[in-house]
Structure formats: C-alpha cells, structure tokens
Amino acid sequence: MITARRKSDGSFEIANGHMRLKVQLQVHGKAEVVDSATGKTFHVHELDGRMVALSEDSQANIEDLANAAINRARG
C-alpha cells in the first residue's frame, strides 16, 4: 500500500511506498494512494514531471469520458 500524509500547506507527501509509487507510475501511468489521516483513496498521475492527484470520483469521471471518446472514434 502507498500512503501519503497532508502537509500544512495542503499538499501531500508520500509516507510509505516510495518505490511502489515509482513503479506503478512507470508501468500503469497512475498509482492508488491512501490518505493516512482519512483512509480515502486517490489516484496519482505524473504529468510533465509533476505529481497530480485525483479523487476516486474524478478518476472515474475521466475514465468514463475517455471510454466514451474511444467508443465514438471506433464508430
């Protein structure tokens, strides 16, 4: 499990699973991370060398939109 903790500025830092995070990003392009304080899961992506976190709902919405676009393109 990859866990993160919220810093005082509102950002997150990885508390556990640094290598798992790196591998998941390389292999899958995203990683599931758990907020150690709330237990909520979010998805982390690397975009232009920066980490971006999406909530479960945001991730699901993006995947739905991507699948719909792929289906439309297939005709």
PDB file of N, CA and C in Angstrom:
ATOM      1  N   MET A   1       0.838  -1.180   0.000  1.00  0.00           N
ATOM      2  CA  MET A   1       0.000   0.000   0.000  1.00  0.00           C
ATOM      3  C   MET A   1       0.883   1.243   0.000  1.00  0.00           C
ATOM      4  N   ILE A   2       0.466   2.222  -0.772  1.00  0.00           N
ATOM      5  CA  ILE A   2       1.158   3.510  -0.814  1.00  0.00           C
ATOM      6  C   ILE A   2       0.334   4.477   0.021  1.00  0.00           C
ATOM      7  N   THR A   3       0.945   5.095   1.005  1.00  0.00           N
ATOM      8  CA  THR A   3       0.228   6.043   1.850  1.00  0.00           C
ATOM      9  C   THR A   3       0.874   7.420   1.773  1.00  0.00           C
ATOM     10  N   ALA A   4       0.031   8.429   1.965  1.00  0.00           N
ATOM     11  CA  ALA A   4       0.500   9.818   1.949  1.00  0.00           C
ATOM     12  C   ALA A   4      -0.090  10.552   3.137  1.00  0.00           C
ATOM     13  N   ARG A   5       0.557  11.610   3.534  1.00  0.00           N
ATOM     14  CA  ARG A   5       0.041  12.463   4.608  1.00  0.00           C
ATOM     15  C   ARG A   5      -0.006  13.899   4.108  1.00  0.00           C
ATOM     16  N   ARG A   6      -1.016  14.615   4.574  1.00  0.00           N
ATOM     17  CA  ARG A   6      -1.195  16.007   4.170  1.00  0.00           C
ATOM     18  C   ARG A   6      -0.227  16.889   4.943  1.00  0.00           C
ATOM     19  N   LYS A   7       0.406  17.797   4.213  1.00  0.00           N
ATOM     20  CA  LYS A   7       1.312  18.761   4.820  1.00  0.00           C
ATOM     21  C   LYS A   7       0.537  20.017   5.208  1.00  0.00           C
ATOM     22  N   SER A   8       1.164  20.891   5.957  1.00  0.00           N
ATOM     23  CA  SER A   8       0.487  22.099   6.430  1.00  0.00           C
ATOM     24  C   SER A   8       0.049  23.021   5.297  1.00  0.00           C
ATOM     25  N   ASP A   9       0.709  22.932   4.128  1.00  0.00           N
ATOM     26  CA  ASP A   9       0.327  23.783   3.002  1.00  0.00           C
ATOM     27  C   ASP A   9      -0.790  23.171   2.147  1.00  0.00           C
ATOM     28  N   GLY A  10      -1.295  21.984   2.558  1.00  0.00           N
ATOM     29  CA  GLY A  10      -2.387  21.338   1.839  1.00  0.00           C
ATOM     30  C   GLY A  10      -1.943  20.304   0.823  1.00  0.00           C
ATOM     31  N   SER A  11      -0.664  20.284   0.509  1.00  0.00           N
ATOM     32  CA  SER A  11      -0.157  19.282  -0.424  1.00  0.00           C
ATOM     33  C   SER A  11       0.067  17.965   0.330  1.00  0.00           C
ATOM     34  N   PHE A  12       0.406  16.919  -0.404  1.00  0.00           N
ATOM     35  CA  PHE A  12       0.665  15.620   0.200  1.00  0.00           C
ATOM     36  C   PHE A  12       2.116  15.242   0.025  1.00  0.00           C
ATOM     37  N   GLU A  13       2.596  14.390   0.942  1.00  0.00           N
ATOM     38  CA  GLU A  13       3.902  13.774   0.782  1.00  0.00           C
ATOM     39  C   GLU A  13       3.733  12.279   1.011  1.00  0.00           C
ATOM     40  N   ILE A  14       4.491  11.493   0.294  1.00  0.00           N
ATOM     41  CA  ILE A  14       4.411  10.043   0.418  1.00  0.00           C
ATOM     42  C   ILE A  14       5.032   9.646   1.751  1.00  0.00           C
ATOM     43  N   ALA A  15       4.250   8.912   2.551  1.00  0.00           N
ATOM     44  CA  ALA A  15       4.723   8.456   3.852  1.00  0.00           C
ATOM     45  C   ALA A  15       5.283   7.043   3.769  1.00  0.00           C
ATOM     46  N   ASN A  16       4.731   6.233   2.870  1.00  0.00           N
ATOM     47  CA  ASN A  16       5.133   4.840   2.743  1.00  0.00           C
ATOM     48  C   ASN A  16       4.900   4.388   1.311  1.00  0.00           C
ATOM     49  N   GLY A  17       5.875   3.687   0.741  1.00  0.00           N
ATOM     50  CA  GLY A  17       5.690   3.119  -0.582  1.00  0.00           C
ATOM     51  C   GLY A  17       6.283   3.932  -1.716  1.00  0.00           C
ATOM     52  N   HIS A  18       7.368   4.634  -1.463  1.00  0.00           N
ATOM     53  CA  HIS A  18       8.004   5.459  -2.496  1.00  0.00           C
ATOM     54  C   HIS A  18       8.346   4.658  -3.746  1.00  0.00           C
ATOM     55  N   MET A  19       8.943   3.485  -3.563  1.00  0.00           N
ATOM     56  CA  MET A  19       9.332   2.671  -4.720  1.00  0.00           C
ATOM     57  C   MET A  19       8.101   2.103  -5.422  1.00  0.00           C
ATOM     58  N   ARG A  20       7.091   1.700  -4.665  1.00  0.00           N
ATOM     59  CA  ARG A  20       5.850   1.210  -5.287  1.00  0.00           C
ATOM     60  C   ARG A  20       5.213   2.298  -6.129  1.00  0.00           C
ATOM     61  N   LEU A  21       5.216   3.524  -5.624  1.00  0.00           N
ATOM     62  CA  LEU A  21       4.675   4.651  -6.379  1.00  0.00           C
ATOM     63  C   LEU A  21       5.427   4.815  -7.694  1.00  0.00           C
ATOM     64  N   LYS A  22       6.731   4.805  -7.640  1.00  0.00           N
ATOM     65  CA  LYS A  22       7.551   4.978  -8.835  1.00  0.00           C
ATOM     66  C   LYS A  22       7.258   3.887  -9.856  1.00  0.00           C
ATOM     67  N   VAL A  23       7.198   2.645  -9.407  1.00  0.00           N
ATOM     68  CA  VAL A  23       6.951   1.521 -10.317  1.00  0.00           C
ATOM     69  C   VAL A  23       5.546   1.598 -10.905  1.00  0.00           C
ATOM     70  N   GLN A  24       4.540   1.888 -10.078  1.00  0.00           N
ATOM     71  CA  GLN A  24       3.167   1.973 -10.566  1.00  0.00           C
ATOM     72  C   GLN A  24       3.031   3.071 -11.624  1.00  0.00           C
ATOM     73  N   LEU A  25       3.674   4.193 -11.405  1.00  0.00           N
ATOM     74  CA  LEU A  25       3.629   5.274 -12.390  1.00  0.00           C
ATOM     75  C   LEU A  25       4.302   4.860 -13.691  1.00  0.00           C
ATOM     76  N   GLN A  26       5.420   4.157 -13.605  1.00  0.00           N
ATOM     77  CA  GLN A  26       6.132   3.725 -14.804  1.00  0.00           C
ATOM     78  C   GLN A  26       5.342   2.670 -15.570  1.00  0.00           C
ATOM     79  N   VAL A  27       4.739   1.729 -14.860  1.00  0.00           N
ATOM     80  CA  VAL A  27       4.067   0.604 -15.509  1.00  0.00           C
ATOM     81  C   VAL A  27       2.646   0.951 -15.951  1.00  0.00           C
ATOM     82  N   HIS A  28       1.890   1.628 -15.071  1.00  0.00           N
ATOM     83  CA  HIS A  28       0.468   1.862 -15.322  1.00  0.00           C
ATOM     84  C   HIS A  28       0.115   3.313 -15.623  1.00  0.00           C
ATOM     85  N   GLY A  29       1.038   4.227 -15.375  1.00  0.00           N
ATOM     86  CA  GLY A  29       0.753   5.636 -15.605  1.00  0.00           C
ATOM     87  C   GLY A  29      -0.028   6.295 -14.486  1.00  0.00           C
ATOM     88  N   LYS A  30      -0.377   5.512 -13.466  1.00  0.00           N
ATOM     89  CA  LYS A  30      -1.076   6.048 -12.296  1.00  0.00           C
ATOM     90  C   LYS A  30      -0.825   5.106 -11.127  1.00  0.00           C
ATOM     91  N   ALA A  31      -1.097   5.607  -9.931  1.00  0.00           N
ATOM     92  CA  ALA A  31      -0.954   4.796  -8.727  1.00  0.00           C
ATOM     93  C   ALA A  31      -2.065   5.163  -7.754  1.00  0.00           C
ATOM     94  N   GLU A  32      -2.578   4.166  -7.045  1.00  0.00           N
ATOM     95  CA  GLU A  32      -3.551   4.418  -5.991  1.00  0.00           C
ATOM     96  C   GLU A  32      -2.801   4.715  -4.708  1.00  0.00           C
ATOM     97  N   VAL A  33      -3.187   5.803  -4.059  1.00  0.00           N
ATOM     98  CA  VAL A  33      -2.538   6.242  -2.828  1.00  0.00           C
ATOM     99  C   VAL A  33      -3.621   6.452  -1.776  1.00  0.00           C
ATOM    100  N   VAL A  34      -3.328   6.072  -0.544  1.00  0.00           N
ATOM    101  CA  VAL A  34      -4.276   6.217   0.548  1.00  0.00           C
ATOM    102  C   VAL A  34      -3.829   7.359   1.452  1.00  0.00           C
ATOM    103  N   ASP A  35      -4.765   8.259   1.758  1.00  0.00           N
ATOM    104  CA  ASP A  35      -4.511   9.334   2.716  1.00  0.00           C
ATOM    105  C   ASP A  35      -4.477   8.709   4.105  1.00  0.00           C
ATOM    106  N   SER A  36      -3.347   8.774   4.774  1.00  0.00           N
ATOM    107  CA  SER A  36      -3.186   8.108   6.071  1.00  0.00           C
ATOM    108  C   SER A  36      -4.104   8.674   7.147  1.00  0.00           C
ATOM    109  N   ALA A  37      -4.537   9.910   7.007  1.00  0.00           N
ATOM    110  CA  ALA A  37      -5.409  10.518   8.019  1.00  0.00           C
ATOM    111  C   ALA A  37      -6.874  10.149   7.826  1.00  0.00           C
ATOM    112  N   THR A  38      -7.325  10.070   6.579  1.00  0.00           N
ATOM    113  CA  THR A  38      -8.750   9.839   6.318  1.00  0.00           C
ATOM    114  C   THR A  38      -9.063   8.441   5.802  1.00  0.00           C
ATOM    115  N   GLY A  39      -8.059   7.749   5.274  1.00  0.00           N
ATOM    116  CA  GLY A  39      -8.278   6.437   4.692  1.00  0.00           C
ATOM    117  C   GLY A  39      -8.845   6.488   3.282  1.00  0.00           C
ATOM    118  N   LYS A  40      -9.043   7.701   2.756  1.00  0.00           N
ATOM    119  CA  LYS A  40      -9.575   7.843   1.400  1.00  0.00           C
ATOM    120  C   LYS A  40      -8.490   7.555   0.374  1.00  0.00           C
ATOM    121  N   THR A  41      -8.922   6.951  -0.731  1.00  0.00           N
ATOM    122  CA  THR A  41      -8.015   6.611  -1.814  1.00  0.00           C
ATOM    123  C   THR A  41      -8.093   7.663  -2.907  1.00  0.00           C
ATOM    124  N   PHE A  42      -6.957   8.008  -3.457  1.00  0.00           N
ATOM    125  CA  PHE A  42      -6.930   8.887  -4.622  1.00  0.00           C
ATOM    126  C   PHE A  42      -5.899   8.356  -5.595  1.00  0.00           C
ATOM    127  N   HIS A  43      -5.985   8.811  -6.832  1.00  0.00           N
ATOM    128  CA  HIS A  43      -5.070   8.365  -7.880  1.00  0.00           C
ATOM    129  C   HIS A  43      -4.048   9.453  -8.158  1.00  0.00           C
ATOM    130  N   VAL A  44      -2.802   9.044  -8.277  1.00  0.00           N
ATOM    131  CA  VAL A  44      -1.715   9.963  -8.583  1.00  0.00           C
ATOM    132  C   VAL A  44      -1.222   9.666  -9.991  1.00  0.00           C
ATOM    133  N   HIS A  45      -1.052  10.713 -10.769  1.00  0.00           N
ATOM    134  CA  HIS A  45      -0.519  10.639 -12.126  1.00  0.00           C
ATOM    135  C   HIS A  45       0.692  11.555 -12.183  1.00  0.00           C
ATOM    136  N   GLU A  46       1.599  11.268 -13.088  1.00  0.00           N
ATOM    137  CA  GLU A  46       2.737  12.157 -13.308  1.00  0.00           C
ATOM    138  C   GLU A  46       2.543  12.847 -14.646  1.00  0.00           C
ATOM    139  N   LEU A  47       2.472  14.164 -14.609  1.00  0.00           N
ATOM    140  CA  LEU A  47       2.294  14.966 -15.815  1.00  0.00           C
ATOM    141  C   LEU A  47       3.401  16.004 -15.890  1.00  0.00           C
ATOM    142  N   ASP A  48       4.194  15.937 -16.930  1.00  0.00           N
ATOM    143  CA  ASP A  48       5.304  16.875 -17.121  1.00  0.00           C
ATOM    144  C   ASP A  48       6.201  16.971 -15.892  1.00  0.00           C
ATOM    145  N   GLY A  49       6.475  15.819 -15.277  1.00  0.00           N
ATOM    146  CA  GLY A  49       7.368  15.788 -14.123  1.00  0.00           C
ATOM    147  C   GLY A  49       6.742  16.207 -12.810  1.00  0.00           C
ATOM    148  N   ARG A  50       5.444  16.487 -12.814  1.00  0.00           N
ATOM    149  CA  ARG A  50       4.744  16.891 -11.585  1.00  0.00           C
ATOM    150  C   ARG A  50       3.724  15.827 -11.220  1.00  0.00           C
ATOM    151  N   MET A  51       3.506  15.637  -9.935  1.00  0.00           N
ATOM    152  CA  MET A  51       2.508  14.691  -9.455  1.00  0.00           C
ATOM    153  C   MET A  51       1.167  15.396  -9.355  1.00  0.00           C
ATOM    154  N   VAL A  52       0.133  14.736  -9.886  1.00  0.00           N
ATOM    155  CA  VAL A  52      -1.224  15.264  -9.843  1.00  0.00           C
ATOM    156  C   VAL A  52      -2.105  14.206  -9.191  1.00  0.00           C
ATOM    157  N   ALA A  53      -2.900  14.607  -8.215  1.00  0.00           N
ATOM    158  CA  ALA A  53      -3.775  13.670  -7.513  1.00  0.00           C
ATOM    159  C   ALA A  53      -5.231  13.920  -7.884  1.00  0.00           C
ATOM    160  N   LEU A  54      -5.957  12.816  -8.127  1.00  0.00           N
ATOM    161  CA  LEU A  54      -7.380  12.881  -8.450  1.00  0.00           C
ATOM    162  C   LEU A  54      -8.151  12.034  -7.453  1.00  0.00           C
ATOM    163  N   SER A  55      -9.317  12.525  -7.032  1.00  0.00           N
ATOM    164  CA  SER A  55     -10.169  11.740  -6.151  1.00  0.00           C
ATOM    165  C   SER A  55     -10.721  10.546  -6.907  1.00  0.00           C
ATOM    166  N   GLU A  56     -11.292   9.586  -6.186  1.00  0.00           N
ATOM    167  CA  GLU A  56     -11.910   8.411  -6.817  1.00  0.00           C
ATOM    168  C   GLU A  56     -12.970   8.842  -7.818  1.00  0.00           C
ATOM    169  N   ASP A  57     -13.827   9.804  -7.440  1.00  0.00           N
ATOM    170  CA  ASP A  57     -14.901  10.263  -8.331  1.00  0.00           C
ATOM    171  C   ASP A  57     -14.338  10.923  -9.586  1.00  0.00           C
ATOM    172  N   SER A  58     -13.329  11.769  -9.424  1.00  0.00           N
ATOM    173  CA  SER A  58     -12.717  12.433 -10.576  1.00  0.00           C
ATOM    174  C   SER A  58     -12.077  11.417 -11.506  1.00  0.00           C
ATOM    175  N   GLN A  59     -11.390  10.436 -10.940  1.00  0.00           N
ATOM    176  CA  GLN A  59     -10.754   9.398 -11.741  1.00  0.00           C
ATOM    177  C   GLN A  59     -11.809   8.624 -12.530  1.00  0.00           C
ATOM    178  N   ALA A  60     -12.912   8.262 -11.889  1.00  0.00           N
ATOM    179  CA  ALA A  60     -13.983   7.517 -12.560  1.00  0.00           C
ATOM    180  C   ALA A  60     -14.589   8.342 -13.694  1.00  0.00           C
ATOM    181  N   ASN A  61     -14.796   9.639 -13.453  1.00  0.00           N
ATOM    182  CA  ASN A  61     -15.347  10.505 -14.497  1.00  0.00           C
ATOM    183  C   ASN A  61     -14.418  10.604 -15.698  1.00  0.00           C
ATOM    184  N   ILE A  62     -13.136  10.735 -15.456  1.00  0.00           N
ATOM    185  CA  ILE A  62     -12.169  10.819 -16.547  1.00  0.00           C
ATOM    186  C   ILE A  62     -12.136   9.515 -17.339  1.00  0.00           C
ATOM    187  N   GLU A  63     -12.168   8.389 -16.645  1.00  0.00           N
ATOM    188  CA  GLU A  63     -12.161   7.102 -17.336  1.00  0.00           C
ATOM    189  C   GLU A  63     -13.425   6.919 -18.168  1.00  0.00           C
ATOM    190  N   ASP A  64     -14.581   7.340 -17.642  1.00  0.00           N
ATOM    191  CA  ASP A  64     -15.836   7.262 -18.399  1.00  0.00           C
ATOM    192  C   ASP A  64     -15.763   8.116 -19.664  1.00  0.00           C
ATOM    193  N   LEU A  65     -15.254   9.342 -19.537  1.00  0.00           N
ATOM    194  CA  LEU A  65     -15.123  10.219 -20.697  1.00  0.00           C
ATOM    195  C   LEU A  65     -14.167   9.646 -21.736  1.00  0.00           C
ATOM    196  N   ALA A  66     -13.055   9.095 -21.268  1.00  0.00           N
ATOM    197  CA  ALA A  66     -12.084   8.505 -22.196  1.00  0.00           C
ATOM    198  C   ALA A  66     -12.680   7.310 -22.919  1.00  0.00           C
ATOM    199  N   ASN A  67     -13.383   6.447 -22.202  1.00  0.00           N
ATOM    200  CA  ASN A  67     -14.006   5.282 -22.832  1.00  0.00           C
ATOM    201  C   ASN A  67     -15.061   5.697 -23.842  1.00  0.00           C
ATOM    202  N   ALA A  68     -15.850   6.719 -23.528  1.00  0.00           N
ATOM    203  CA  ALA A  68     -16.869   7.197 -24.460  1.00  0.00           C
ATOM    204  C   ALA A  68     -16.206   7.753 -25.729  1.00  0.00           C
ATOM    205  N   ALA A  69     -15.110   8.492 -25.577  1.00  0.00           N
ATOM    206  CA  ALA A  69     -14.402   9.041 -26.738  1.00  0.00           C
ATOM    207  C   ALA A  69     -13.820   7.922 -27.599  1.00  0.00           C
ATOM    208  N   ILE A  70     -13.283   6.903 -26.969  1.00  0.00           N
ATOM    209  CA  ILE A  70     -12.721   5.767 -27.714  1.00  0.00           C
ATOM    210  C   ILE A  70     -13.831   5.043 -28.470  1.00  0.00           C
ATOM    211  N   ASN A  71     -14.958   4.828 -27.828  1.00  0.00           N
ATOM    212  CA  ASN A  71     -16.085   4.153 -28.491  1.00  0.00           C
ATOM    213  C   ASN A  71     -16.620   4.957 -29.671  1.00  0.00           C
ATOM    214  N   ARG A  72     -16.690   6.284 -29.509  1.00  0.00           N
ATOM    215  CA  ARG A  72     -17.134   7.138 -30.619  1.00  0.00           C
ATOM    216  C   ARG A  72     -16.150   7.077 -31.781  1.00  0.00           C
ATOM    217  N   ALA A  73     -14.862   7.049 -31.470  1.00  0.00           N
ATOM    218  CA  ALA A  73     -13.837   7.005 -32.519  1.00  0.00           C
ATOM    219  C   ALA A  73     -13.867   5.693 -33.288  1.00  0.00           C
ATOM    220  N   ARG A  74     -14.269   4.649 -32.618  1.00  0.00           N
ATOM    221  CA  ARG A  74     -14.339   3.334 -33.276  1.00  0.00           C
ATOM    222  C   ARG A  74     -15.543   3.248 -34.206  1.00  0.00           C
ATOM    223  N   GLY A  75     -16.512   4.128 -34.001  1.00  0.00           N
ATOM    224  CA  GLY A  75     -17.634   4.245 -34.903  1.00  0.00           C
ATOM    225  C   GLY A  75     -18.752   3.371 -34.584  1.00  0.00           C
TER     226      GLY A  75
END
